[in-house]
PDB file of all heavy atoms in Angstrom:
ATOM      1  N   ILE A   1      -8.080  29.592 -35.607  1.00  0.00           N
ATOM      2  CA  ILE A   1      -9.486  29.224 -35.841  1.00  0.00           C
ATOM      3  C   ILE A   1      -9.565  28.035 -36.791  1.00  0.00           C
ATOM      4  O   ILE A   1     -10.326  27.089 -36.566  1.00  0.00           O
ATOM      5  CB  ILE A   1     -10.265  30.436 -36.402  1.00  0.00           C
ATOM      6  CG1 ILE A   1     -10.435  31.509 -35.324  1.00  0.00           C
ATOM      7  CG2 ILE A   1     -11.624  29.986 -36.931  1.00  0.00           C
ATOM      8  CD1 ILE A   1     -11.107  32.772 -35.830  1.00  0.00           C
ATOM      9  N   TRP A   2      -8.763  28.092 -37.855  1.00  0.00           N
ATOM     10  CA  TRP A   2      -8.746  26.987 -38.820  1.00  0.00           C
ATOM     11  C   TRP A   2      -8.265  25.689 -38.166  1.00  0.00           C
ATOM     12  O   TRP A   2      -8.837  24.620 -38.386  1.00  0.00           O
ATOM     13  CB  TRP A   2      -7.846  27.363 -39.991  1.00  0.00           C
ATOM     14  CG  TRP A   2      -7.582  26.226 -40.926  1.00  0.00           C
ATOM     15  CD1 TRP A   2      -8.479  25.622 -41.773  1.00  0.00           C
ATOM     16  CD2 TRP A   2      -6.343  25.530 -41.111  1.00  0.00           C
ATOM     17  NE1 TRP A   2      -7.874  24.601 -42.469  1.00  0.00           N
ATOM     18  CE2 TRP A   2      -6.564  24.520 -42.078  1.00  0.00           C
ATOM     19  CE3 TRP A   2      -5.076  25.666 -40.556  1.00  0.00           C
ATOM     20  CZ2 TRP A   2      -5.562  23.653 -42.485  1.00  0.00           C
ATOM     21  CZ3 TRP A   2      -4.076  24.812 -40.965  1.00  0.00           C
ATOM     22  CH2 TRP A   2      -4.320  23.817 -41.920  1.00  0.00           C
ATOM     23  N   LEU A   3      -7.205  25.786 -37.351  1.00  0.00           N
ATOM     24  CA  LEU A   3      -6.662  24.598 -36.705  1.00  0.00           C
ATOM     25  C   LEU A   3      -7.612  24.038 -35.652  1.00  0.00           C
ATOM     26  O   LEU A   3      -7.857  22.826 -35.586  1.00  0.00           O
ATOM     27  CB  LEU A   3      -5.313  24.928 -36.056  1.00  0.00           C
ATOM     28  CG  LEU A   3      -4.148  25.224 -36.997  1.00  0.00           C
ATOM     29  CD1 LEU A   3      -2.943  25.709 -36.202  1.00  0.00           C
ATOM     30  CD2 LEU A   3      -3.774  23.976 -37.789  1.00  0.00           C
ATOM     31  N   PHE A   4      -8.147  24.917 -34.819  1.00  0.00           N
ATOM     32  CA  PHE A   4      -8.992  24.459 -33.719  1.00  0.00           C
ATOM     33  C   PHE A   4     -10.319  23.897 -34.210  1.00  0.00           C
ATOM     34  O   PHE A   4     -10.950  23.073 -33.545  1.00  0.00           O
ATOM     35  CB  PHE A   4      -9.235  25.596 -32.735  1.00  0.00           C
ATOM     36  CG  PHE A   4      -8.017  25.966 -31.929  1.00  0.00           C
ATOM     37  CD1 PHE A   4      -7.926  27.209 -31.324  1.00  0.00           C
ATOM     38  CD2 PHE A   4      -6.962  25.080 -31.780  1.00  0.00           C
ATOM     39  CE1 PHE A   4      -6.797  27.555 -30.579  1.00  0.00           C
ATOM     40  CE2 PHE A   4      -5.829  25.412 -31.042  1.00  0.00           C
ATOM     41  CZ  PHE A   4      -5.761  26.647 -30.445  1.00  0.00           C
ATOM     42  N   HIS A   5     -10.753  24.357 -35.400  1.00  0.00           N
ATOM     43  CA  HIS A   5     -11.991  23.821 -35.972  1.00  0.00           C
ATOM     44  C   HIS A   5     -11.867  22.324 -36.253  1.00  0.00           C
ATOM     45  O   HIS A   5     -12.867  21.592 -36.194  1.00  0.00           O
ATOM     46  CB  HIS A   5     -12.327  24.581 -37.265  1.00  0.00           C
ATOM     47  CG  HIS A   5     -13.543  24.064 -37.972  1.00  0.00           C
ATOM     48  ND1 HIS A   5     -14.818  24.227 -37.464  1.00  0.00           N
ATOM     49  CD2 HIS A   5     -13.684  23.381 -39.155  1.00  0.00           C
ATOM     50  CE1 HIS A   5     -15.694  23.666 -38.296  1.00  0.00           C
ATOM     51  NE2 HIS A   5     -15.032  23.156 -39.322  1.00  0.00           N
ATOM     52  N   LYS A   6     -10.650  21.862 -36.535  1.00  0.00           N
ATOM     53  CA  LYS A   6     -10.417  20.457 -36.866  1.00  0.00           C
ATOM     54  C   LYS A   6      -9.867  19.654 -35.688  1.00  0.00           C
ATOM     55  O   LYS A   6      -9.500  18.494 -35.847  1.00  0.00           O
ATOM     56  CB  LYS A   6      -9.439  20.353 -38.039  1.00  0.00           C
ATOM     57  CG  LYS A   6      -9.909  21.052 -39.305  1.00  0.00           C
ATOM     58  CD  LYS A   6      -8.896  20.874 -40.419  1.00  0.00           C
ATOM     59  CE  LYS A   6      -9.373  21.530 -41.717  1.00  0.00           C
ATOM     60  NZ  LYS A   6      -8.416  21.323 -42.830  1.00  0.00           N
ATOM     61  N   THR A   7      -9.790  20.267 -34.524  1.00  0.00           N
ATOM     62  CA  THR A   7      -9.117  19.640 -33.390  1.00  0.00           C
ATOM     63  C   THR A   7     -10.064  18.824 -32.528  1.00  0.00           C
ATOM     64  O   THR A   7     -11.177  19.262 -32.221  1.00  0.00           O
ATOM     65  CB  THR A   7      -8.435  20.724 -32.515  1.00  0.00           C
ATOM     66  OG1 THR A   7      -7.466  21.417 -33.303  1.00  0.00           O
ATOM     67  CG2 THR A   7      -7.755  20.101 -31.311  1.00  0.00           C
ATOM     68  N   ASP A   8      -9.609  17.657 -32.149  1.00  0.00           N
ATOM     69  CA  ASP A   8     -10.304  16.839 -31.153  1.00  0.00           C
ATOM     70  C   ASP A   8      -9.764  17.271 -29.792  1.00  0.00           C
ATOM     71  O   ASP A   8      -8.672  16.876 -29.388  1.00  0.00           O
ATOM     72  CB  ASP A   8     -10.016  15.358 -31.403  1.00  0.00           C
ATOM     73  CG  ASP A   8     -10.761  14.444 -30.441  1.00  0.00           C
ATOM     74  OD1 ASP A   8     -11.155  14.918 -29.350  1.00  0.00           O
ATOM     75  OD2 ASP A   8     -10.924  13.249 -30.751  1.00  0.00           O
ATOM     76  N   TRP A   9     -10.534  18.083 -29.068  1.00  0.00           N
ATOM     77  CA  TRP A   9     -10.024  18.679 -27.846  1.00  0.00           C
ATOM     78  C   TRP A   9      -9.718  17.648 -26.769  1.00  0.00           C
ATOM     79  O   TRP A   9      -8.768  17.808 -25.999  1.00  0.00           O
ATOM     80  CB  TRP A   9     -11.012  19.717 -27.330  1.00  0.00           C
ATOM     81  CG  TRP A   9     -11.019  20.943 -28.188  1.00  0.00           C
ATOM     82  CD1 TRP A   9     -11.879  21.239 -29.204  1.00  0.00           C
ATOM     83  CD2 TRP A   9     -10.085  22.021 -28.127  1.00  0.00           C
ATOM     84  NE1 TRP A   9     -11.550  22.438 -29.789  1.00  0.00           N
ATOM     85  CE2 TRP A   9     -10.463  22.949 -29.142  1.00  0.00           C
ATOM     86  CE3 TRP A   9      -8.991  22.306 -27.328  1.00  0.00           C
ATOM     87  CZ2 TRP A   9      -9.761  24.125 -29.355  1.00  0.00           C
ATOM     88  CZ3 TRP A   9      -8.294  23.484 -27.532  1.00  0.00           C
ATOM     89  CH2 TRP A   9      -8.676  24.372 -28.541  1.00  0.00           C
ATOM     90  N   ALA A  10     -10.517  16.605 -26.721  1.00  0.00           N
ATOM     91  CA  ALA A  10     -10.259  15.552 -25.729  1.00  0.00           C
ATOM     92  C   ALA A  10      -8.924  14.867 -26.012  1.00  0.00           C
ATOM     93  O   ALA A  10      -8.126  14.618 -25.097  1.00  0.00           O
ATOM     94  CB  ALA A  10     -11.401  14.539 -25.738  1.00  0.00           C
ATOM     95  N   ALA A  11      -8.671  14.583 -27.288  1.00  0.00           N
ATOM     96  CA  ALA A  11      -7.410  13.931 -27.662  1.00  0.00           C
ATOM     97  C   ALA A  11      -6.226  14.858 -27.427  1.00  0.00           C
ATOM     98  O   ALA A  11      -5.157  14.431 -26.967  1.00  0.00           O
ATOM     99  CB  ALA A  11      -7.464  13.505 -29.128  1.00  0.00           C
ATOM    100  N   LEU A  12      -6.404  16.157 -27.726  1.00  0.00           N
ATOM    101  CA  LEU A  12      -5.320  17.120 -27.525  1.00  0.00           C
ATOM    102  C   LEU A  12      -4.991  17.261 -26.038  1.00  0.00           C
ATOM    103  O   LEU A  12      -3.810  17.270 -25.649  1.00  0.00           O
ATOM    104  CB  LEU A  12      -5.721  18.475 -28.097  1.00  0.00           C
ATOM    105  CG  LEU A  12      -4.650  19.571 -28.057  1.00  0.00           C
ATOM    106  CD1 LEU A  12      -3.464  19.194 -28.931  1.00  0.00           C
ATOM    107  CD2 LEU A  12      -5.241  20.913 -28.496  1.00  0.00           C
ATOM    108  N   THR A  13      -6.032  17.336 -25.224  1.00  0.00           N
ATOM    109  CA  THR A  13      -5.821  17.431 -23.780  1.00  0.00           C
ATOM    110  C   THR A  13      -5.111  16.207 -23.246  1.00  0.00           C
ATOM    111  O   THR A  13      -4.207  16.306 -22.407  1.00  0.00           O
ATOM    112  CB  THR A  13      -7.167  17.611 -23.061  1.00  0.00           C
ATOM    113  OG1 THR A  13      -7.825  18.782 -23.566  1.00  0.00           O
ATOM    114  CG2 THR A  13      -6.974  17.759 -21.561  1.00  0.00           C
ATOM    115  N   GLN A  14      -5.510  15.038 -23.738  1.00  0.00           N
ATOM    116  CA  GLN A  14      -4.880  13.798 -23.296  1.00  0.00           C
ATOM    117  C   GLN A  14      -3.395  13.773 -23.662  1.00  0.00           C
ATOM    118  O   GLN A  14      -2.568  13.256 -22.903  1.00  0.00           O
ATOM    119  CB  GLN A  14      -5.612  12.598 -23.928  1.00  0.00           C
ATOM    120  CG  GLN A  14      -5.243  11.250 -23.332  1.00  0.00           C
ATOM    121  CD  GLN A  14      -5.638  11.120 -21.878  1.00  0.00           C
ATOM    122  OE1 GLN A  14      -6.544  11.798 -21.405  1.00  0.00           O
ATOM    123  NE2 GLN A  14      -4.935  10.253 -21.155  1.00  0.00           N
ATOM    124  N   ARG A  15      -3.073  14.337 -24.807  1.00  0.00           N
ATOM    125  CA  ARG A  15      -1.669  14.394 -25.223  1.00  0.00           C
ATOM    126  C   ARG A  15      -0.839  15.166 -24.202  1.00  0.00           C
ATOM    127  O   ARG A  15       0.260  14.752 -23.831  1.00  0.00           O
ATOM    128  CB  ARG A  15      -1.556  15.080 -26.584  1.00  0.00           C
ATOM    129  CG  ARG A  15      -2.026  14.226 -27.732  1.00  0.00           C
ATOM    130  CD  ARG A  15      -0.939  13.251 -28.154  1.00  0.00           C
ATOM    131  NE  ARG A  15      -1.458  12.244 -29.069  1.00  0.00           N
ATOM    132  CZ  ARG A  15      -0.759  11.229 -29.516  1.00  0.00           C
ATOM    133  NH1 ARG A  15       0.498  11.072 -29.121  1.00  0.00           N
ATOM    134  NH2 ARG A  15      -1.289  10.361 -30.338  1.00  0.00           N
ATOM    135  N   PHE A  16      -1.355  16.303 -23.783  1.00  0.00           N
ATOM    136  CA  PHE A  16      -0.613  17.124 -22.838  1.00  0.00           C
ATOM    137  C   PHE A  16      -0.538  16.480 -21.457  1.00  0.00           C
ATOM    138  O   PHE A  16       0.462  16.629 -20.754  1.00  0.00           O
ATOM    139  CB  PHE A  16      -1.240  18.518 -22.744  1.00  0.00           C
ATOM    140  CG  PHE A  16      -0.913  19.398 -23.910  1.00  0.00           C
ATOM    141  CD1 PHE A  16      -1.899  19.820 -24.786  1.00  0.00           C
ATOM    142  CD2 PHE A  16       0.393  19.812 -24.143  1.00  0.00           C
ATOM    143  CE1 PHE A  16      -1.597  20.639 -25.865  1.00  0.00           C
ATOM    144  CE2 PHE A  16       0.711  20.626 -25.217  1.00  0.00           C
ATOM    145  CZ  PHE A  16      -0.285  21.033 -26.080  1.00  0.00           C
ATOM    146  N   LEU A  17      -1.591  15.768 -21.069  1.00  0.00           N
ATOM    147  CA  LEU A  17      -1.585  15.107 -19.760  1.00  0.00           C
ATOM    148  C   LEU A  17      -0.582  13.960 -19.705  1.00  0.00           C
ATOM    149  O   LEU A  17      -0.128  13.572 -18.618  1.00  0.00           O
ATOM    150  CB  LEU A  17      -2.989  14.585 -19.427  1.00  0.00           C
ATOM    151  CG  LEU A  17      -4.062  15.653 -19.163  1.00  0.00           C
ATOM    152  CD1 LEU A  17      -5.419  15.009 -18.946  1.00  0.00           C
ATOM    153  CD2 LEU A  17      -3.677  16.522 -17.950  1.00  0.00           C
ATOM    154  N   GLN A  18      -0.220  13.427 -20.870  1.00  0.00           N
ATOM    155  CA  GLN A  18       0.688  12.286 -20.917  1.00  0.00           C
ATOM    156  C   GLN A  18       2.128  12.682 -21.282  1.00  0.00           C
ATOM    157  O   GLN A  18       2.938  11.834 -21.619  1.00  0.00           O
ATOM    158  CB  GLN A  18       0.164  11.259 -21.927  1.00  0.00           C
ATOM    159  CG  GLN A  18      -1.152  10.611 -21.514  1.00  0.00           C
ATOM    160  CD  GLN A  18      -1.692   9.652 -22.571  1.00  0.00           C
ATOM    161  OE1 GLN A  18      -1.215   9.627 -23.707  1.00  0.00           O
ATOM    162  NE2 GLN A  18      -2.694   8.871 -22.204  1.00  0.00           N
ATOM    163  N   ILE A  19       2.419  13.972 -21.188  1.00  0.00           N
ATOM    164  CA  ILE A  19       3.781  14.432 -21.506  1.00  0.00           C
ATOM    165  C   ILE A  19       4.786  13.767 -20.570  1.00  0.00           C
ATOM    166  O   ILE A  19       4.572  13.673 -19.361  1.00  0.00           O
ATOM    167  CB  ILE A  19       3.873  15.963 -21.378  1.00  0.00           C
ATOM    168  CG1 ILE A  19       3.124  16.646 -22.525  1.00  0.00           C
ATOM    169  CG2 ILE A  19       5.328  16.424 -21.378  1.00  0.00           C
ATOM    170  CD1 ILE A  19       3.101  18.146 -22.425  1.00  0.00           C
ATOM    171  N   ARG A  20       5.869  13.325 -21.153  1.00  0.00           N
ATOM    172  CA  ARG A  20       6.963  12.759 -20.355  1.00  0.00           C
ATOM    173  C   ARG A  20       7.847  13.908 -19.894  1.00  0.00           C
ATOM    174  O   ARG A  20       8.627  14.462 -20.678  1.00  0.00           O
ATOM    175  CB  ARG A  20       7.751  11.754 -21.194  1.00  0.00           C
ATOM    176  CG  ARG A  20       6.863  10.608 -21.718  1.00  0.00           C
ATOM    177  CD  ARG A  20       7.630   9.737 -22.700  1.00  0.00           C
ATOM    178  NE  ARG A  20       6.773   8.708 -23.274  1.00  0.00           N
ATOM    179  CZ  ARG A  20       7.165   7.850 -24.208  1.00  0.00           C
ATOM    180  NH1 ARG A  20       8.406   7.914 -24.680  1.00  0.00           N
ATOM    181  NH2 ARG A  20       6.328   6.933 -24.671  1.00  0.00           N
ATOM    182  N   ILE A  21       7.750  14.233 -18.626  1.00  0.00           N
ATOM    183  CA  ILE A  21       8.386  15.422 -18.072  1.00  0.00           C
ATOM    184  C   ILE A  21       9.905  15.440 -18.271  1.00  0.00           C
ATOM    185  O   ILE A  21      10.472  16.502 -18.606  1.00  0.00           O
ATOM    186  CB  ILE A  21       8.033  15.579 -16.579  1.00  0.00           C
ATOM    187  CG1 ILE A  21       6.503  15.719 -16.424  1.00  0.00           C
ATOM    188  CG2 ILE A  21       8.735  16.785 -15.981  1.00  0.00           C
ATOM    189  CD1 ILE A  21       5.924  16.910 -17.143  1.00  0.00           C
ATOM    190  N   PRO A  22      10.636  14.328 -18.064  1.00  0.00           N
ATOM    191  CA  PRO A  22      12.092  14.402 -18.264  1.00  0.00           C
ATOM    192  C   PRO A  22      12.481  14.861 -19.673  1.00  0.00           C
ATOM    193  O   PRO A  22      13.424  15.644 -19.830  1.00  0.00           O
ATOM    194  CB  PRO A  22      12.545  12.961 -17.993  1.00  0.00           C
ATOM    195  CG  PRO A  22      11.523  12.415 -17.046  1.00  0.00           C
ATOM    196  CD  PRO A  22      10.238  13.025 -17.510  1.00  0.00           C
ATOM    197  N   TRP A  23      11.755  14.393 -20.691  1.00  0.00           N
ATOM    198  CA  TRP A  23      12.055  14.808 -22.060  1.00  0.00           C
ATOM    199  C   TRP A  23      11.738  16.295 -22.251  1.00  0.00           C
ATOM    200  O   TRP A  23      12.471  17.012 -22.947  1.00  0.00           O
ATOM    201  CB  TRP A  23      11.257  13.980 -23.057  1.00  0.00           C
ATOM    202  CG  TRP A  23      11.769  12.587 -23.250  1.00  0.00           C
ATOM    203  CD1 TRP A  23      11.231  11.430 -22.750  1.00  0.00           C
ATOM    204  CD2 TRP A  23      12.940  12.195 -23.976  1.00  0.00           C
ATOM    205  NE1 TRP A  23      11.991  10.347 -23.124  1.00  0.00           N
ATOM    206  CE2 TRP A  23      13.046  10.789 -23.877  1.00  0.00           C
ATOM    207  CE3 TRP A  23      13.898  12.894 -24.693  1.00  0.00           C
ATOM    208  CZ2 TRP A  23      14.071  10.077 -24.487  1.00  0.00           C
ATOM    209  CZ3 TRP A  23      14.931  12.194 -25.299  1.00  0.00           C
ATOM    210  CH2 TRP A  23      15.015  10.793 -25.190  1.00  0.00           C
ATOM    211  N   PHE A  24      10.646  16.753 -21.636  1.00  0.00           N
ATOM    212  CA  PHE A  24      10.274  18.164 -21.740  1.00  0.00           C
ATOM    213  C   PHE A  24      11.326  19.055 -21.086  1.00  0.00           C
ATOM    214  O   PHE A  24      11.713  20.092 -21.643  1.00  0.00           O
ATOM    215  CB  PHE A  24       8.910  18.389 -21.079  1.00  0.00           C
ATOM    216  CG  PHE A  24       8.468  19.822 -21.079  1.00  0.00           C
ATOM    217  CD1 PHE A  24       8.169  20.483 -22.257  1.00  0.00           C
ATOM    218  CD2 PHE A  24       8.356  20.521 -19.884  1.00  0.00           C
ATOM    219  CE1 PHE A  24       7.767  21.807 -22.260  1.00  0.00           C
ATOM    220  CE2 PHE A  24       7.961  21.845 -19.875  1.00  0.00           C
ATOM    221  CZ  PHE A  24       7.661  22.486 -21.057  1.00  0.00           C
TER     222      PHE A  24
END
């Protein structure tokens, strides 16, 4: 709750959409 209160959800989602699959 504390973390998500400060989270920019659009930016967080964009981070996951741009994951480099080979590194993962």
